[in-house]
Amino acid sequence: MKRKKDKNYDVYEIVAKNIKYYRKIKKMTQAELAEKTEYSHEFIRRIEAPNSKKNFSLDAVSNIAEALDIDIELLFEKKDLE
């Protein structure tokens, strides 16, 4: 059975919003996060872009959490960041 995706519960959107949230708390630019993770600036930009198709691995999420110096679990917390 295929579940209809509800954007409010899309794990990719939740993680993307949290990455942006914590990056801004750490006062980092997308370029700085990209450099710290050794990912391209374009990759980080696409993750954070609100209307782009999300496609990133748990390994990427782990690397980003490490670069942000936060526990990976924080990136999966559903909270109102709008």
N, C-alpha and C. Protein backbone atom coordinates (compact mmCIF):
# COMPACT_ATOMS: atom_id res chain seq x y z
N MET A 1 0.86 -1.18 0.00
CA MET A 1 0.00 0.00 0.00
C MET A 1 0.90 1.24 0.00
N LYS A 2 0.65 2.12 -0.92
CA LYS A 2 1.44 3.35 -1.04
C LYS A 2 0.75 4.47 -0.27
N ARG A 3 1.52 5.11 0.62
CA ARG A 3 0.97 6.22 1.40
C ARG A 3 1.15 7.52 0.64
N LYS A 4 0.13 8.33 0.70
CA LYS A 4 0.22 9.66 0.11
C LYS A 4 1.16 10.50 0.97
N LYS A 5 2.08 11.18 0.32
CA LYS A 5 3.01 12.03 1.07
C LYS A 5 2.32 13.30 1.53
N ASP A 6 2.37 13.54 2.81
CA ASP A 6 1.87 14.77 3.39
C ASP A 6 3.09 15.64 3.65
N LYS A 7 3.15 16.79 2.99
CA LYS A 7 4.33 17.65 3.09
C LYS A 7 4.65 18.00 4.55
N ASN A 8 3.65 18.07 5.40
CA ASN A 8 3.88 18.39 6.81
C ASN A 8 4.66 17.29 7.53
N TYR A 9 4.65 16.08 6.98
CA TYR A 9 5.31 14.96 7.63
C TYR A 9 6.43 14.38 6.78
N ASP A 10 6.84 15.06 5.74
CA ASP A 10 7.91 14.60 4.87
C ASP A 10 9.23 14.73 5.61
N VAL A 11 9.88 13.62 5.89
CA VAL A 11 11.11 13.62 6.68
C VAL A 11 12.20 14.45 6.00
N TYR A 12 12.25 14.45 4.67
CA TYR A 12 13.25 15.26 3.98
C TYR A 12 13.03 16.74 4.24
N GLU A 13 11.79 17.17 4.25
CA GLU A 13 11.49 18.59 4.51
C GLU A 13 11.82 18.95 5.96
N ILE A 14 11.52 18.06 6.88
CA ILE A 14 11.81 18.30 8.30
C ILE A 14 13.32 18.45 8.49
N VAL A 15 14.09 17.51 7.93
CA VAL A 15 15.55 17.56 8.06
C VAL A 15 16.10 18.82 7.40
N ALA A 16 15.60 19.14 6.22
CA ALA A 16 16.09 20.33 5.50
C ALA A 16 15.85 21.60 6.30
N LYS A 17 14.66 21.75 6.87
CA LYS A 17 14.35 22.94 7.67
C LYS A 17 15.24 23.00 8.91
N ASN A 18 15.48 21.84 9.51
CA ASN A 18 16.32 21.82 10.71
C ASN A 18 17.78 22.12 10.38
N ILE A 19 18.26 21.64 9.25
CA ILE A 19 19.63 21.97 8.84
C ILE A 19 19.77 23.48 8.72
N LYS A 20 18.83 24.10 8.04
CA LYS A 20 18.87 25.56 7.86
C LYS A 20 18.79 26.27 9.22
N TYR A 21 17.89 25.80 10.07
CA TYR A 21 17.69 26.39 11.39
C TYR A 21 18.98 26.36 12.21
N TYR A 22 19.58 25.18 12.32
CA TYR A 22 20.80 25.05 13.12
C TYR A 22 22.00 25.74 12.47
N ARG A 23 22.04 25.76 11.15
CA ARG A 23 23.12 26.47 10.46
C ARG A 23 23.06 27.96 10.81
N LYS A 24 21.86 28.50 10.81
CA LYS A 24 21.71 29.93 11.13
C LYS A 24 22.02 30.20 12.59
N ILE A 25 21.64 29.30 13.49
CA ILE A 25 21.98 29.45 14.91
C ILE A 25 23.50 29.51 15.09
N LYS A 26 24.20 28.68 14.31
CA LYS A 26 25.66 28.63 14.39
C LYS A 26 26.32 29.76 13.60
N LYS A 27 25.47 30.62 13.00
CA LYS A 27 25.95 31.78 12.22
C LYS A 27 26.89 31.35 11.09
N MET A 28 26.49 30.28 10.40
CA MET A 28 27.26 29.76 9.27
C MET A 28 26.51 30.06 7.98
N THR A 29 27.24 30.33 6.93
CA THR A 29 26.63 30.47 5.61
C THR A 29 26.54 29.07 4.99
N GLN A 30 25.76 28.98 3.93
CA GLN A 30 25.70 27.71 3.20
C GLN A 30 27.08 27.34 2.68
N ALA A 31 27.83 28.33 2.22
CA ALA A 31 29.17 28.08 1.69
C ALA A 31 30.09 27.54 2.79
N GLU A 32 29.99 28.09 3.98
CA GLU A 32 30.82 27.61 5.10
C GLU A 32 30.46 26.18 5.48
N LEU A 33 29.16 25.88 5.50
CA LEU A 33 28.73 24.52 5.80
C LEU A 33 29.21 23.56 4.72
N ALA A 34 29.11 23.99 3.48
CA ALA A 34 29.59 23.17 2.36
C ALA A 34 31.08 22.87 2.51
N GLU A 35 31.84 23.88 2.83
CA GLU A 35 33.28 23.70 2.98
C GLU A 35 33.60 22.75 4.14
N LYS A 36 32.89 22.90 5.24
CA LYS A 36 33.13 22.08 6.42
C LYS A 36 32.76 20.61 6.18
N THR A 37 31.75 20.37 5.36
CA THR A 37 31.29 19.01 5.08
C THR A 37 31.98 18.41 3.85
N GLU A 38 32.65 19.27 3.09
CA GLU A 38 33.25 18.88 1.81
C GLU A 38 32.20 18.50 0.76
N TYR A 39 30.99 19.04 0.93
CA TYR A 39 29.96 18.94 -0.10
C TYR A 39 29.98 20.24 -0.89
N SER A 40 29.35 20.22 -2.05
CA SER A 40 29.30 21.44 -2.84
C SER A 40 28.30 22.42 -2.24
N HIS A 41 28.53 23.70 -2.51
CA HIS A 41 27.59 24.73 -2.07
C HIS A 41 26.23 24.45 -2.70
N GLU A 42 26.22 24.00 -3.94
CA GLU A 42 24.96 23.69 -4.65
C GLU A 42 24.19 22.58 -3.92
N PHE A 43 24.88 21.58 -3.43
CA PHE A 43 24.22 20.47 -2.71
C PHE A 43 23.54 21.00 -1.44
N ILE A 44 24.25 21.81 -0.68
CA ILE A 44 23.67 22.39 0.55
C ILE A 44 22.50 23.30 0.19
N ARG A 45 22.66 24.11 -0.85
CA ARG A 45 21.59 25.01 -1.28
C ARG A 45 20.33 24.22 -1.67
N ARG A 46 20.51 23.12 -2.42
CA ARG A 46 19.36 22.30 -2.84
C ARG A 46 18.68 21.65 -1.65
N ILE A 47 19.45 21.22 -0.66
CA ILE A 47 18.85 20.62 0.54
C ILE A 47 17.93 21.64 1.22
N GLU A 48 18.42 22.86 1.36
CA GLU A 48 17.66 23.89 2.08
C GLU A 48 16.56 24.55 1.26
N ALA A 49 16.62 24.47 -0.05
CA ALA A 49 15.62 25.13 -0.89
C ALA A 49 14.23 24.55 -0.61
N PRO A 50 13.25 25.40 -0.31
CA PRO A 50 11.94 24.91 0.12
C PRO A 50 11.16 24.12 -0.92
N ASN A 51 11.32 24.42 -2.19
CA ASN A 51 10.50 23.75 -3.19
C ASN A 51 11.29 22.83 -4.11
N SER A 52 12.49 22.46 -3.69
CA SER A 52 13.28 21.56 -4.53
C SER A 52 13.07 20.11 -4.09
N LYS A 53 13.25 19.21 -5.03
CA LYS A 53 13.16 17.79 -4.71
C LYS A 53 14.34 17.41 -3.84
N LYS A 54 14.05 16.79 -2.72
CA LYS A 54 15.09 16.44 -1.76
C LYS A 54 15.60 15.03 -2.04
N ASN A 55 16.92 14.88 -2.03
CA ASN A 55 17.52 13.57 -2.22
C ASN A 55 18.88 13.58 -1.56
N PHE A 56 18.92 13.17 -0.30
CA PHE A 56 20.19 13.10 0.41
C PHE A 56 20.17 11.88 1.33
N SER A 57 21.34 11.39 1.65
CA SER A 57 21.46 10.15 2.42
C SER A 57 21.58 10.42 3.91
N LEU A 58 21.42 9.36 4.68
CA LEU A 58 21.64 9.47 6.13
C LEU A 58 23.09 9.79 6.42
N ASP A 59 23.99 9.31 5.57
CA ASP A 59 25.40 9.63 5.73
C ASP A 59 25.61 11.15 5.58
N ALA A 60 24.94 11.75 4.61
CA ALA A 60 25.05 13.20 4.42
C ALA A 60 24.49 13.93 5.63
N VAL A 61 23.36 13.47 6.15
CA VAL A 61 22.75 14.09 7.34
C VAL A 61 23.71 13.98 8.53
N SER A 62 24.33 12.83 8.67
CA SER A 62 25.30 12.63 9.75
C SER A 62 26.49 13.57 9.61
N ASN A 63 27.01 13.71 8.42
CA ASN A 63 28.14 14.62 8.18
C ASN A 63 27.76 16.07 8.45
N ILE A 64 26.56 16.45 8.06
CA ILE A 64 26.10 17.82 8.30
C ILE A 64 25.93 18.07 9.79
N ALA A 65 25.34 17.11 10.50
CA ALA A 65 25.18 17.25 11.96
C ALA A 65 26.54 17.40 12.63
N GLU A 66 27.51 16.63 12.18
CA GLU A 66 28.86 16.72 12.74
C GLU A 66 29.46 18.09 12.46
N ALA A 67 29.28 18.60 11.25
CA ALA A 67 29.81 19.91 10.88
C ALA A 67 29.13 21.02 11.69
N LEU A 68 27.86 20.83 12.02
CA LEU A 68 27.13 21.81 12.83
C LEU A 68 27.37 21.62 14.32
N ASP A 69 28.07 20.55 14.67
CA ASP A 69 28.38 20.22 16.06
C ASP A 69 27.10 20.05 16.89
N ILE A 70 26.17 19.24 16.33
CA ILE A 70 24.91 18.94 17.02
C ILE A 70 24.65 17.44 16.92
N ASP A 71 23.79 16.92 17.79
CA ASP A 71 23.38 15.52 17.71
C ASP A 71 22.48 15.34 16.49
N ILE A 72 22.69 14.27 15.75
CA ILE A 72 21.92 14.03 14.53
C ILE A 72 20.42 13.99 14.81
N GLU A 73 20.04 13.53 16.00
CA GLU A 73 18.61 13.42 16.34
C GLU A 73 17.90 14.77 16.22
N LEU A 74 18.61 15.85 16.49
CA LEU A 74 17.99 17.18 16.41
C LEU A 74 17.50 17.50 15.00
N LEU A 75 18.14 16.91 14.01
CA LEU A 75 17.74 17.20 12.62
C LEU A 75 16.46 16.49 12.22
N PHE A 76 16.00 15.53 13.02
CA PHE A 76 14.79 14.79 12.71
C PHE A 76 13.59 15.23 13.54
N GLU A 77 13.78 16.20 14.43
CA GLU A 77 12.68 16.66 15.27
C GLU A 77 11.71 17.52 14.49
N LYS A 78 10.45 17.16 14.57
CA LYS A 78 9.42 17.95 13.91
C LYS A 78 9.04 19.12 14.81
N LYS A 79 9.25 20.31 14.29
CA LYS A 79 8.87 21.51 15.04
C LYS A 79 8.46 22.57 14.04
N ASP A 80 7.75 23.56 14.52
CA ASP A 80 7.28 24.62 13.64
C ASP A 80 8.41 25.63 13.43
N LEU A 81 9.02 25.58 12.24
CA LEU A 81 10.12 26.48 11.93
C LEU A 81 9.73 27.49 10.85
N GLU A 82 8.48 27.53 10.50
CA GLU A 82 8.02 28.46 9.44
C GLU A 82 8.12 29.89 9.91
